[in-house]
Amino acid sequence: MVARPARKLRGQAMVEYSAVMFALAMGGGVGIIIILPSLMNALDRYLAGIYFMLNLAIP
């Protein structure tokens, strides 16, 4: 059975799409791993500030 050109092109497009999606997923995963600790640190400081302000009024 001879593969038709359209089927061959469709297969190539699927391979390229899969490669691009894999690269984007890996980049996004690495970005989240790098940025998440700084976001958690900022949230920790924000919540500590709110806790400090709420407890400030109590003598």
PDB file of N, CA and C in Angstrom:
ATOM      1  N   MET A   1       0.850  -1.188   0.000  1.00  0.00           N
ATOM      2  CA  MET A   1       0.000   0.000   0.000  1.00  0.00           C
ATOM      3  C   MET A   1       0.891   1.245   0.000  1.00  0.00           C
ATOM      4  N   VAL A   2       0.605   2.143  -0.901  1.00  0.00           N
ATOM      5  CA  VAL A   2       1.397   3.358  -1.050  1.00  0.00           C
ATOM      6  C   VAL A   2       0.709   4.485  -0.288  1.00  0.00           C
ATOM      7  N   ALA A   3       1.474   5.166   0.555  1.00  0.00           N
ATOM      8  CA  ALA A   3       0.902   6.281   1.314  1.00  0.00           C
ATOM      9  C   ALA A   3       0.662   7.458   0.384  1.00  0.00           C
ATOM     10  N   ARG A   4      -0.496   8.021   0.484  1.00  0.00           N
ATOM     11  CA  ARG A   4      -0.806   9.184  -0.343  1.00  0.00           C
ATOM     12  C   ARG A   4      -0.100  10.406   0.220  1.00  0.00           C
ATOM     13  N   PRO A   5       0.190  11.400  -0.619  1.00  0.00           N
ATOM     14  CA  PRO A   5       0.895  12.603  -0.137  1.00  0.00           C
ATOM     15  C   PRO A   5       0.141  13.331   0.975  1.00  0.00           C
ATOM     16  N   ALA A   6      -1.196  13.370   0.884  1.00  0.00           N
ATOM     17  CA  ALA A   6      -1.970  14.087   1.904  1.00  0.00           C
ATOM     18  C   ALA A   6      -1.812  13.415   3.270  1.00  0.00           C
ATOM     19  N   ARG A   7      -1.837  12.088   3.272  1.00  0.00           N
ATOM     20  CA  ARG A   7      -1.691  11.361   4.539  1.00  0.00           C
ATOM     21  C   ARG A   7      -0.287  11.566   5.106  1.00  0.00           C
ATOM     22  N   LYS A   8       0.706  11.587   4.223  1.00  0.00           N
ATOM     23  CA  LYS A   8       2.086  11.803   4.664  1.00  0.00           C
ATOM     24  C   LYS A   8       2.242  13.206   5.250  1.00  0.00           C
ATOM     25  N   LEU A   9       1.649  14.199   4.590  1.00  0.00           N
ATOM     26  CA  LEU A   9       1.729  15.574   5.100  1.00  0.00           C
ATOM     27  C   LEU A   9       0.998  15.708   6.429  1.00  0.00           C
ATOM     28  N   ARG A  10      -0.141  15.017   6.545  1.00  0.00           N
ATOM     29  CA  ARG A  10      -0.886  15.076   7.796  1.00  0.00           C
ATOM     30  C   ARG A  10      -0.078  14.457   8.931  1.00  0.00           C
ATOM     31  N   GLY A  11       0.603  13.363   8.645  1.00  0.00           N
ATOM     32  CA  GLY A  11       1.453  12.746   9.659  1.00  0.00           C
ATOM     33  C   GLY A  11       2.592  13.658  10.068  1.00  0.00           C
ATOM     34  N   GLN A  12       3.187  14.342   9.099  1.00  0.00           N
ATOM     35  CA  GLN A  12       4.267  15.281   9.409  1.00  0.00           C
ATOM     36  C   GLN A  12       3.741  16.425  10.270  1.00  0.00           C
ATOM     37  N   ALA A  13       2.547  16.918   9.951  1.00  0.00           N
ATOM     38  CA  ALA A  13       1.961  18.008  10.735  1.00  0.00           C
ATOM     39  C   ALA A  13       1.686  17.547  12.170  1.00  0.00           C
ATOM     40  N   MET A  14       1.238  16.306  12.334  1.00  0.00           N
ATOM     41  CA  MET A  14       0.973  15.800  13.686  1.00  0.00           C
ATOM     42  C   MET A  14       2.270  15.683  14.483  1.00  0.00           C
ATOM     43  N   VAL A  15       3.349  15.243  13.809  1.00  0.00           N
ATOM     44  CA  VAL A  15       4.639  15.137  14.497  1.00  0.00           C
ATOM     45  C   VAL A  15       5.121  16.519  14.918  1.00  0.00           C
ATOM     46  N   GLU A  16       5.007  17.496  14.012  1.00  0.00           N
ATOM     47  CA  GLU A  16       5.450  18.855  14.342  1.00  0.00           C
ATOM     48  C   GLU A  16       4.605  19.443  15.470  1.00  0.00           C
ATOM     49  N   TYR A  17       3.295  19.234  15.412  1.00  0.00           N
ATOM     50  CA  TYR A  17       2.409  19.745  16.453  1.00  0.00           C
ATOM     51  C   TYR A  17       2.753  19.117  17.804  1.00  0.00           C
ATOM     52  N   SER A  18       2.992  17.807  17.798  1.00  0.00           N
ATOM     53  CA  SER A  18       3.342  17.131  19.047  1.00  0.00           C
ATOM     54  C   SER A  18       4.661  17.657  19.604  1.00  0.00           C
ATOM     55  N   ALA A  19       5.639  17.894  18.718  1.00  0.00           N
ATOM     56  CA  ALA A  19       6.935  18.402  19.173  1.00  0.00           C
ATOM     57  C   ALA A  19       6.797  19.804  19.755  1.00  0.00           C
ATOM     58  N   VAL A  20       6.006  20.646  19.105  1.00  0.00           N
ATOM     59  CA  VAL A  20       5.812  22.013  19.603  1.00  0.00           C
ATOM     60  C   VAL A  20       5.084  21.993  20.938  1.00  0.00           C
ATOM     61  N   MET A  21       4.048  21.172  21.058  1.00  0.00           N
ATOM     62  CA  MET A  21       3.306  21.105  22.319  1.00  0.00           C
ATOM     63  C   MET A  21       4.179  20.552  23.444  1.00  0.00           C
ATOM     64  N   PHE A  22       5.027  19.580  23.120  1.00  0.00           N
ATOM     65  CA  PHE A  22       5.938  19.033  24.127  1.00  0.00           C
ATOM     66  C   PHE A  22       6.910  20.108  24.603  1.00  0.00           C
ATOM     67  N   ALA A  23       7.446  20.888  23.660  1.00  0.00           N
ATOM     68  CA  ALA A  23       8.386  21.951  24.027  1.00  0.00           C
ATOM     69  C   ALA A  23       7.700  23.007  24.890  1.00  0.00           C
ATOM     70  N   LEU A  24       6.473  23.376  24.535  1.00  0.00           N
ATOM     71  CA  LEU A  24       5.743  24.374  25.328  1.00  0.00           C
ATOM     72  C   LEU A  24       5.421  23.836  26.722  1.00  0.00           C
ATOM     73  N   ALA A  25       5.043  22.566  26.804  1.00  0.00           N
ATOM     74  CA  ALA A  25       4.726  21.975  28.109  1.00  0.00           C
ATOM     75  C   ALA A  25       5.967  21.920  28.992  1.00  0.00           C
ATOM     76  N   MET A  26       7.098  21.535  28.415  1.00  0.00           N
ATOM     77  CA  MET A  26       8.336  21.473  29.202  1.00  0.00           C
ATOM     78  C   MET A  26       8.756  22.873  29.650  1.00  0.00           C
ATOM     79  N   GLY A  27       8.661  23.844  28.751  1.00  0.00           N
ATOM     80  CA  GLY A  27       9.011  25.217  29.115  1.00  0.00           C
ATOM     81  C   GLY A  27       8.100  25.762  30.197  1.00  0.00           C
ATOM     82  N   GLY A  28       6.808  25.474  30.089  1.00  0.00           N
ATOM     83  CA  GLY A  28       5.871  25.928  31.111  1.00  0.00           C
ATOM     84  C   GLY A  28       6.131  25.266  32.449  1.00  0.00           C
ATOM     85  N   GLY A  29       6.445  23.978  32.427  1.00  0.00           N
ATOM     86  CA  GLY A  29       6.746  23.277  33.675  1.00  0.00           C
ATOM     87  C   GLY A  29       7.983  23.826  34.350  1.00  0.00           C
ATOM     88  N   VAL A  30       9.019  24.078  33.565  1.00  0.00           N
ATOM     89  CA  VAL A  30      10.247  24.643  34.131  1.00  0.00           C
ATOM     90  C   VAL A  30       9.984  26.051  34.648  1.00  0.00           C
ATOM     91  N   GLY A  31       9.178  26.826  33.908  1.00  0.00           N
ATOM     92  CA  GLY A  31       8.852  28.185  34.359  1.00  0.00           C
ATOM     93  C   GLY A  31       8.104  28.181  35.678  1.00  0.00           C
ATOM     94  N   ILE A  32       7.153  27.264  35.822  1.00  0.00           N
ATOM     95  CA  ILE A  32       6.395  27.177  37.073  1.00  0.00           C
ATOM     96  C   ILE A  32       7.319  26.794  38.227  1.00  0.00           C
ATOM     97  N   ILE A  33       8.220  25.835  37.980  1.00  0.00           N
ATOM     98  CA  ILE A  33       9.123  25.393  39.046  1.00  0.00           C
ATOM     99  C   ILE A  33      10.036  26.536  39.483  1.00  0.00           C
ATOM    100  N   ILE A  34      10.445  27.378  38.533  1.00  0.00           N
ATOM    101  CA  ILE A  34      11.344  28.487  38.867  1.00  0.00           C
ATOM    102  C   ILE A  34      10.588  29.612  39.574  1.00  0.00           C
ATOM    103  N   ILE A  35       9.370  29.922  39.123  1.00  0.00           N
ATOM    104  CA  ILE A  35       8.647  31.101  39.617  1.00  0.00           C
ATOM    105  C   ILE A  35       7.849  30.799  40.885  1.00  0.00           C
ATOM    106  N   LEU A  36       7.409  29.557  41.066  1.00  0.00           N
ATOM    107  CA  LEU A  36       6.530  29.223  42.192  1.00  0.00           C
ATOM    108  C   LEU A  36       7.125  29.554  43.559  1.00  0.00           C
ATOM    109  N   PRO A  37       8.385  29.268  43.848  1.00  0.00           N
ATOM    110  CA  PRO A  37       8.914  29.633  45.172  1.00  0.00           C
ATOM    111  C   PRO A  37       8.869  31.131  45.455  1.00  0.00           C
ATOM    112  N   SER A  38       9.142  31.956  44.444  1.00  0.00           N
ATOM    113  CA  SER A  38       9.084  33.401  44.685  1.00  0.00           C
ATOM    114  C   SER A  38       7.647  33.856  44.903  1.00  0.00           C
ATOM    115  N   LEU A  39       6.694  33.251  44.211  1.00  0.00           N
ATOM    116  CA  LEU A  39       5.288  33.595  44.435  1.00  0.00           C
ATOM    117  C   LEU A  39       4.845  33.178  45.836  1.00  0.00           C
ATOM    118  N   MET A  40       5.283  32.021  46.292  1.00  0.00           N
ATOM    119  CA  MET A  40       4.925  31.581  47.637  1.00  0.00           C
ATOM    120  C   MET A  40       5.568  32.479  48.693  1.00  0.00           C
ATOM    121  N   ASN A  41       6.781  32.936  48.438  1.00  0.00           N
ATOM    122  CA  ASN A  41       7.449  33.847  49.363  1.00  0.00           C
ATOM    123  C   ASN A  41       6.688  35.170  49.445  1.00  0.00           C
ATOM    124  N   ALA A  42       6.251  35.681  48.298  1.00  0.00           N
ATOM    125  CA  ALA A  42       5.484  36.929  48.283  1.00  0.00           C
ATOM    126  C   ALA A  42       4.157  36.755  49.023  1.00  0.00           C
ATOM    127  N   LEU A  43       3.482  35.631  48.817  1.00  0.00           N
ATOM    128  CA  LEU A  43       2.220  35.373  49.515  1.00  0.00           C
ATOM    129  C   LEU A  43       2.449  35.265  51.016  1.00  0.00           C
ATOM    130  N   ASP A  44       3.538  34.640  51.414  1.00  0.00           N
ATOM    131  CA  ASP A  44       3.862  34.505  52.830  1.00  0.00           C
ATOM    132  C   ASP A  44       4.073  35.880  53.464  1.00  0.00           C
ATOM    133  N   ARG A  45       4.808  36.751  52.782  1.00  0.00           N
ATOM    134  CA  ARG A  45       5.024  38.107  53.307  1.00  0.00           C
ATOM    135  C   ARG A  45       3.721  38.893  53.383  1.00  0.00           C
ATOM    136  N   TYR A  46       2.867  38.742  52.364  1.00  0.00           N
ATOM    137  CA  TYR A  46       1.586  39.444  52.337  1.00  0.00           C
ATOM    138  C   TYR A  46       0.703  39.001  53.506  1.00  0.00           C
ATOM    139  N   LEU A  47       0.600  37.699  53.707  1.00  0.00           N
ATOM    140  CA  LEU A  47      -0.236  37.197  54.800  1.00  0.00           C
ATOM    141  C   LEU A  47       0.355  37.552  56.161  1.00  0.00           C
ATOM    142  N   ALA A  48       1.685  37.570  56.275  1.00  0.00           N
ATOM    143  CA  ALA A  48       2.309  37.970  57.535  1.00  0.00           C
ATOM    144  C   ALA A  48       2.007  39.437  57.830  1.00  0.00           C
ATOM    145  N   GLY A  49       1.987  40.278  56.796  1.00  0.00           N
ATOM    146  CA  GLY A  49       1.643  41.687  56.988  1.00  0.00           C
ATOM    147  C   GLY A  49       0.206  41.861  57.445  1.00  0.00           C
ATOM    148  N   ILE A  50      -0.710  41.104  56.851  1.00  0.00           N
ATOM    149  CA  ILE A  50      -2.117  41.179  57.273  1.00  0.00           C
ATOM    150  C   ILE A  50      -2.257  40.704  58.718  1.00  0.00           C
ATOM    151  N   TYR A  51      -1.584  39.615  59.064  1.00  0.00           N
ATOM    152  CA  TYR A  51      -1.637  39.087  60.429  1.00  0.00           C
ATOM    153  C   TYR A  51      -1.101  40.115  61.421  1.00  0.00           C
ATOM    154  N   PHE A  52      -0.012  40.786  61.063  1.00  0.00           N
ATOM    155  CA  PHE A  52       0.575  41.811  61.925  1.00  0.00           C
ATOM    156  C   PHE A  52      -0.394  42.977  62.119  1.00  0.00           C
ATOM    157  N   MET A  53      -1.033  43.424  61.033  1.00  0.00           N
ATOM    158  CA  MET A  53      -1.950  44.562  61.127  1.00  0.00           C
ATOM    159  C   MET A  53      -3.195  44.201  61.943  1.00  0.00           C
ATOM    160  N   LEU A  54      -3.683  42.978  61.813  1.00  0.00           N
ATOM    161  CA  LEU A  54      -4.866  42.580  62.576  1.00  0.00           C
ATOM    162  C   LEU A  54      -4.557  42.475  64.066  1.00  0.00           C
ATOM    163  N   ASN A  55      -3.368  42.026  64.412  1.00  0.00           N
ATOM    164  CA  ASN A  55      -3.012  41.871  65.819  1.00  0.00           C
ATOM    165  C   ASN A  55      -2.481  43.153  66.437  1.00  0.00           C
ATOM    166  N   LEU A  56      -2.295  44.182  65.638  1.00  0.00           N
ATOM    167  CA  LEU A  56      -1.730  45.430  66.141  1.00  0.00           C
ATOM    168  C   LEU A  56      -2.703  46.140  67.088  1.00  0.00           C
ATOM    169  N   ALA A  57      -4.014  46.014  66.842  1.00  0.00           N
ATOM    170  CA  ALA A  57      -5.003  46.753  67.616  1.00  0.00           C
ATOM    171  C   ALA A  57      -5.256  46.127  68.984  1.00  0.00           C
ATOM    172  N   ILE A  58      -4.810  44.923  69.195  1.00  0.00           N
ATOM    173  CA  ILE A  58      -5.050  44.261  70.474  1.00  0.00           C
ATOM    174  C   ILE A  58      -3.944  44.659  71.450  1.00  0.00           C
ATOM    175  N   PRO A  59      -4.299  45.242  72.587  1.00  0.00           N
ATOM    176  CA  PRO A  59      -3.266  45.691  73.536  1.00  0.00           C
ATOM    177  C   PRO A  59      -2.589  44.526  74.237  1.00  0.00           C
TER     178      PRO A  59
END
